[in-house]
């Protein structure tokens, strides 16, 4: 478990349905060392490009993690995210399929 800020962040999505039946998604990014919420983004659709832009915003604020932990959902395996990983040299190991408890800090 990280003890310092910016060592490792956890990233995950939560989804729910509005009263009228429309689905929405919530992107959550948390610093595992400080437990600070670095990002909450809500929309009906969150693409890899939107996630990459939000990660750029986090880095611009001075919070560049050494590692980001997430599952391997479609948004997080897109070309936009793979390009972002390469450009920013941030380690990004995936959790094992079917093991969401490995990313239980979000």
N, C-alpha and C. Protein backbone atom coordinates (compact mmCIF):
# COMPACT_ATOMS: atom_id res chain seq x y z
N UNK A 1 0.83 -1.17 0.00
CA UNK A 1 0.00 0.00 0.00
C UNK A 1 0.88 1.24 0.00
N UNK A 2 0.72 2.13 -0.97
CA UNK A 2 1.53 3.34 -1.03
C UNK A 2 1.32 4.22 0.21
N UNK A 3 2.39 4.85 0.66
CA UNK A 3 2.32 5.74 1.81
C UNK A 3 2.49 7.21 1.42
N UNK A 4 2.89 7.46 0.18
CA UNK A 4 3.15 8.81 -0.30
C UNK A 4 2.19 9.14 -1.44
N UNK A 5 1.94 10.43 -1.67
CA UNK A 5 1.11 10.81 -2.82
C UNK A 5 1.81 10.51 -4.14
N UNK A 6 1.03 10.29 -5.16
CA UNK A 6 1.50 10.11 -6.54
C UNK A 6 2.29 8.82 -6.79
N UNK A 7 2.28 7.89 -5.86
CA UNK A 7 2.93 6.61 -6.11
C UNK A 7 2.02 5.71 -6.95
N UNK A 8 0.76 5.63 -6.56
CA UNK A 8 -0.18 4.78 -7.28
C UNK A 8 -1.58 5.37 -7.19
N UNK A 9 -2.27 5.37 -8.33
CA UNK A 9 -3.67 5.79 -8.38
C UNK A 9 -4.51 4.62 -8.84
N UNK A 10 -5.73 4.58 -8.37
CA UNK A 10 -6.71 3.61 -8.84
C UNK A 10 -7.74 4.33 -9.69
N UNK A 11 -8.17 3.69 -10.76
CA UNK A 11 -9.12 4.28 -11.70
C UNK A 11 -10.19 3.24 -11.98
N UNK A 12 -11.45 3.65 -11.92
CA UNK A 12 -12.54 2.71 -12.21
C UNK A 12 -13.77 3.49 -12.63
N UNK A 13 -14.73 2.75 -13.17
CA UNK A 13 -16.00 3.30 -13.60
C UNK A 13 -17.12 2.73 -12.75
N UNK A 14 -18.12 3.55 -12.50
CA UNK A 14 -19.36 3.13 -11.84
C UNK A 14 -20.48 3.54 -12.78
N UNK A 15 -21.51 2.73 -12.86
CA UNK A 15 -22.64 3.11 -13.73
C UNK A 15 -23.95 2.93 -12.97
N UNK A 16 -24.95 3.67 -13.41
CA UNK A 16 -26.27 3.59 -12.81
C UNK A 16 -27.28 4.07 -13.84
N UNK A 17 -28.54 4.05 -13.46
CA UNK A 17 -29.61 4.45 -14.36
C UNK A 17 -30.43 5.56 -13.72
N UNK A 18 -30.75 6.57 -14.53
CA UNK A 18 -31.60 7.66 -14.07
C UNK A 18 -33.05 7.20 -14.00
N UNK A 19 -33.89 7.97 -13.37
CA UNK A 19 -35.30 7.63 -13.24
C UNK A 19 -35.98 7.42 -14.59
N UNK A 20 -35.54 8.17 -15.61
CA UNK A 20 -36.15 8.04 -16.94
C UNK A 20 -35.58 6.87 -17.75
N UNK A 21 -34.68 6.09 -17.16
CA UNK A 21 -34.14 4.91 -17.82
C UNK A 21 -32.80 5.12 -18.51
N UNK A 22 -32.35 6.37 -18.62
CA UNK A 22 -31.05 6.61 -19.25
C UNK A 22 -29.92 6.19 -18.31
N UNK A 23 -28.91 5.56 -18.90
CA UNK A 23 -27.75 5.13 -18.12
C UNK A 23 -26.70 6.24 -18.10
N UNK A 24 -25.95 6.30 -17.02
CA UNK A 24 -24.83 7.22 -16.95
C UNK A 24 -23.65 6.50 -16.31
N UNK A 25 -22.46 7.04 -16.57
CA UNK A 25 -21.24 6.45 -16.04
C UNK A 25 -20.48 7.51 -15.25
N UNK A 26 -19.74 7.05 -14.29
CA UNK A 26 -18.94 7.91 -13.43
C UNK A 26 -17.50 7.38 -13.44
N UNK A 27 -16.56 8.22 -13.84
CA UNK A 27 -15.13 7.90 -13.76
C UNK A 27 -14.61 8.37 -12.41
N UNK A 28 -13.95 7.48 -11.69
CA UNK A 28 -13.38 7.81 -10.38
C UNK A 28 -11.87 7.55 -10.45
N UNK A 29 -11.08 8.56 -10.08
CA UNK A 29 -9.63 8.40 -9.98
C UNK A 29 -9.23 8.82 -8.57
N UNK A 30 -8.57 7.92 -7.85
CA UNK A 30 -8.18 8.20 -6.46
C UNK A 30 -6.70 7.91 -6.27
N UNK A 31 -6.04 8.77 -5.48
CA UNK A 31 -4.65 8.54 -5.10
C UNK A 31 -4.66 7.53 -3.96
N UNK A 32 -4.00 6.40 -4.14
CA UNK A 32 -4.05 5.33 -3.14
C UNK A 32 -3.26 5.67 -1.88
N UNK A 33 -2.27 6.56 -1.98
CA UNK A 33 -1.48 6.93 -0.81
C UNK A 33 -2.18 7.90 0.10
N UNK A 34 -2.86 8.88 -0.48
CA UNK A 34 -3.52 9.92 0.31
C UNK A 34 -5.03 9.70 0.44
N UNK A 35 -5.58 8.81 -0.40
CA UNK A 35 -7.02 8.55 -0.50
C UNK A 35 -7.77 9.76 -1.05
N UNK A 36 -7.05 10.71 -1.64
CA UNK A 36 -7.66 11.89 -2.24
C UNK A 36 -8.33 11.51 -3.56
N UNK A 37 -9.52 12.04 -3.77
CA UNK A 37 -10.20 11.85 -5.05
C UNK A 37 -9.62 12.87 -6.03
N UNK A 38 -8.96 12.38 -7.07
CA UNK A 38 -8.34 13.27 -8.06
C UNK A 38 -9.29 13.63 -9.19
N UNK A 39 -10.29 12.79 -9.42
CA UNK A 39 -11.24 13.07 -10.51
C UNK A 39 -12.54 12.33 -10.28
N UNK A 40 -13.63 13.02 -10.58
CA UNK A 40 -14.97 12.44 -10.69
C UNK A 40 -15.56 13.05 -11.96
N UNK A 41 -15.83 12.23 -12.94
CA UNK A 41 -16.39 12.73 -14.19
C UNK A 41 -17.64 11.90 -14.50
N UNK A 42 -18.75 12.59 -14.76
CA UNK A 42 -20.03 11.93 -15.01
C UNK A 42 -20.53 12.29 -16.40
N UNK A 43 -21.00 11.28 -17.14
CA UNK A 43 -21.61 11.52 -18.45
C UNK A 43 -22.30 10.23 -18.89
N UNK A 44 -23.07 10.34 -19.94
CA UNK A 44 -23.73 9.14 -20.48
C UNK A 44 -22.76 8.30 -21.29
N UNK A 45 -21.63 8.88 -21.69
CA UNK A 45 -20.61 8.16 -22.44
C UNK A 45 -19.25 8.72 -22.08
N UNK A 46 -18.32 7.85 -21.75
CA UNK A 46 -16.96 8.27 -21.40
C UNK A 46 -15.98 7.47 -22.25
N UNK A 47 -15.45 8.09 -23.28
CA UNK A 47 -14.53 7.41 -24.20
C UNK A 47 -13.11 7.43 -23.64
N UNK A 48 -12.25 6.66 -24.28
CA UNK A 48 -10.84 6.67 -23.92
C UNK A 48 -10.22 8.05 -24.08
N UNK A 49 -10.65 8.80 -25.10
CA UNK A 49 -10.15 10.16 -25.30
C UNK A 49 -10.53 11.07 -24.13
N UNK A 50 -11.76 10.93 -23.65
CA UNK A 50 -12.20 11.74 -22.50
C UNK A 50 -11.40 11.38 -21.26
N UNK A 51 -11.15 10.08 -21.07
CA UNK A 51 -10.36 9.64 -19.92
C UNK A 51 -8.95 10.21 -20.02
N UNK A 52 -8.34 10.15 -21.21
CA UNK A 52 -6.98 10.68 -21.40
C UNK A 52 -6.94 12.18 -21.11
N UNK A 53 -7.94 12.92 -21.55
CA UNK A 53 -7.99 14.37 -21.26
C UNK A 53 -8.08 14.62 -19.75
N UNK A 54 -8.86 13.80 -19.06
CA UNK A 54 -8.98 13.97 -17.61
C UNK A 54 -7.66 13.65 -16.92
N UNK A 55 -6.96 12.63 -17.39
CA UNK A 55 -5.65 12.30 -16.83
C UNK A 55 -4.65 13.44 -17.09
N UNK A 56 -4.74 14.06 -18.27
CA UNK A 56 -3.90 15.23 -18.56
C UNK A 56 -4.19 16.36 -17.58
N UNK A 57 -5.47 16.57 -17.26
CA UNK A 57 -5.85 17.61 -16.31
C UNK A 57 -5.27 17.31 -14.92
N UNK A 58 -5.30 16.05 -14.52
CA UNK A 58 -4.74 15.65 -13.22
C UNK A 58 -3.25 15.95 -13.18
N UNK A 59 -2.53 15.59 -14.24
CA UNK A 59 -1.09 15.84 -14.30
C UNK A 59 -0.80 17.34 -14.31
N UNK A 60 -1.60 18.11 -15.03
CA UNK A 60 -1.40 19.57 -15.08
C UNK A 60 -1.55 20.20 -13.70
N UNK A 61 -2.33 19.58 -12.82
CA UNK A 61 -2.51 20.11 -11.47
C UNK A 61 -1.36 19.71 -10.54
N UNK A 62 -0.39 18.94 -11.06
CA UNK A 62 0.78 18.58 -10.27
C UNK A 62 0.72 17.19 -9.68
N UNK A 63 -0.26 16.39 -10.06
CA UNK A 63 -0.41 15.05 -9.50
C UNK A 63 -0.14 14.00 -10.57
N UNK A 64 1.14 13.70 -10.86
CA UNK A 64 1.47 12.67 -11.84
C UNK A 64 1.80 11.38 -11.10
N UNK A 65 0.94 10.38 -11.20
CA UNK A 65 1.22 9.12 -10.52
C UNK A 65 2.31 8.32 -11.23
N UNK A 66 3.05 7.53 -10.47
CA UNK A 66 4.01 6.61 -11.06
C UNK A 66 3.30 5.42 -11.68
N UNK A 67 2.13 5.07 -11.12
CA UNK A 67 1.38 3.90 -11.58
C UNK A 67 -0.11 4.17 -11.47
N UNK A 68 -0.86 3.65 -12.44
CA UNK A 68 -2.33 3.68 -12.40
C UNK A 68 -2.81 2.24 -12.47
N UNK A 69 -3.68 1.86 -11.55
CA UNK A 69 -4.23 0.51 -11.52
C UNK A 69 -5.69 0.57 -11.97
N UNK A 70 -6.06 -0.31 -12.89
CA UNK A 70 -7.44 -0.35 -13.39
C UNK A 70 -7.74 -1.73 -13.94
N UNK A 71 -9.01 -1.94 -14.28
CA UNK A 71 -9.35 -3.15 -15.01
C UNK A 71 -8.99 -2.92 -16.48
N UNK A 72 -9.36 -3.85 -17.33
CA UNK A 72 -9.03 -3.69 -18.74
C UNK A 72 -10.29 -3.50 -19.58
N UNK A 73 -11.16 -2.58 -19.11
CA UNK A 73 -12.37 -2.25 -19.84
C UNK A 73 -12.05 -1.61 -21.18
N UNK A 74 -13.04 -1.55 -22.05
CA UNK A 74 -12.81 -1.07 -23.42
C UNK A 74 -12.28 0.36 -23.46
N UNK A 75 -12.73 1.23 -22.56
CA UNK A 75 -12.23 2.60 -22.55
C UNK A 75 -10.75 2.64 -22.22
N UNK A 76 -10.30 1.68 -21.43
CA UNK A 76 -8.93 1.70 -20.92
C UNK A 76 -7.97 0.88 -21.76
N UNK A 77 -8.46 0.27 -22.83
CA UNK A 77 -7.59 -0.44 -23.77
C UNK A 77 -7.66 0.22 -25.15
N UNK A 78 -8.22 1.40 -25.22
CA UNK A 78 -8.36 2.12 -26.49
C UNK A 78 -7.01 2.68 -26.93
N UNK A 79 -6.92 3.05 -28.20
CA UNK A 79 -5.70 3.65 -28.73
C UNK A 79 -5.36 4.93 -27.98
N UNK A 80 -6.37 5.70 -27.59
CA UNK A 80 -6.12 6.96 -26.88
C UNK A 80 -5.40 6.71 -25.55
N UNK A 81 -5.82 5.70 -24.82
CA UNK A 81 -5.21 5.41 -23.52
C UNK A 81 -3.83 4.78 -23.71
N UNK A 82 -3.69 3.87 -24.67
CA UNK A 82 -2.38 3.26 -24.92
C UNK A 82 -1.37 4.33 -25.34
N UNK A 83 -1.79 5.28 -26.15
CA UNK A 83 -0.92 6.38 -26.56
C UNK A 83 -0.57 7.26 -25.35
N UNK A 84 -1.58 7.54 -24.50
CA UNK A 84 -1.35 8.35 -23.30
C UNK A 84 -0.31 7.68 -22.40
N UNK A 85 -0.46 6.37 -22.19
CA UNK A 85 0.50 5.63 -21.35
C UNK A 85 1.92 5.77 -21.89
N UNK A 86 2.08 5.61 -23.18
CA UNK A 86 3.41 5.68 -23.79
C UNK A 86 3.99 7.09 -23.68
N UNK A 87 3.18 8.11 -23.90
CA UNK A 87 3.65 9.49 -23.86
C UNK A 87 4.04 9.94 -22.46
N UNK A 88 3.36 9.43 -21.44
CA UNK A 88 3.57 9.91 -20.08
C UNK A 88 4.40 8.97 -19.22
N UNK A 89 4.80 7.82 -19.76
CA UNK A 89 5.64 6.85 -19.04
C UNK A 89 5.09 6.54 -17.65
N UNK A 90 3.81 6.24 -17.59
CA UNK A 90 3.16 5.83 -16.35
C UNK A 90 2.89 4.33 -16.43
N UNK A 91 3.34 3.59 -15.43
CA UNK A 91 3.07 2.15 -15.39
C UNK A 91 1.57 1.94 -15.25
N UNK A 92 1.02 0.95 -15.95
CA UNK A 92 -0.42 0.73 -15.91
C UNK A 92 -0.73 -0.77 -15.96
N UNK A 93 -0.46 -1.49 -14.87
CA UNK A 93 -0.78 -2.92 -14.86
C UNK A 93 -2.29 -3.12 -14.72
N UNK A 94 -2.82 -4.10 -15.44
CA UNK A 94 -4.25 -4.42 -15.33
C UNK A 94 -4.47 -5.36 -14.15
N UNK A 95 -5.64 -5.27 -13.56
CA UNK A 95 -6.01 -6.26 -12.55
C UNK A 95 -6.47 -7.52 -13.29
N UNK A 96 -6.48 -8.63 -12.60
CA UNK A 96 -6.87 -9.90 -13.22
C UNK A 96 -8.35 -9.86 -13.59
N UNK A 97 -8.71 -10.43 -14.75
CA UNK A 97 -10.13 -10.48 -15.13
C UNK A 97 -10.96 -11.19 -14.06
N UNK A 98 -12.11 -10.61 -13.75
CA UNK A 98 -13.00 -11.20 -12.75
C UNK A 98 -12.56 -10.99 -11.32
N UNK A 99 -11.60 -10.11 -11.08
CA UNK A 99 -11.09 -9.85 -9.73
C UNK A 99 -11.18 -8.37 -9.37
N UNK A 100 -12.39 -7.79 -9.33
CA UNK A 100 -12.50 -6.35 -9.04
C UNK A 100 -11.97 -5.97 -7.67
N UNK A 101 -11.88 -6.92 -6.74
CA UNK A 101 -11.36 -6.61 -5.41
C UNK A 101 -9.89 -6.20 -5.46
N UNK A 102 -9.18 -6.52 -6.57
CA UNK A 102 -7.79 -6.08 -6.71
C UNK A 102 -7.70 -4.57 -6.90
N UNK A 103 -8.80 -3.95 -7.26
CA UNK A 103 -8.85 -2.49 -7.40
C UNK A 103 -9.85 -1.93 -6.39
N UNK A 104 -9.83 -2.49 -5.21
CA UNK A 104 -10.83 -2.17 -4.19
C UNK A 104 -10.66 -0.84 -3.50
N UNK A 105 -9.65 -0.08 -3.85
CA UNK A 105 -9.44 1.21 -3.20
C UNK A 105 -10.26 2.32 -3.81
N UNK A 106 -10.89 2.07 -4.96
CA UNK A 106 -11.72 3.10 -5.60
C UNK A 106 -13.12 2.96 -5.07
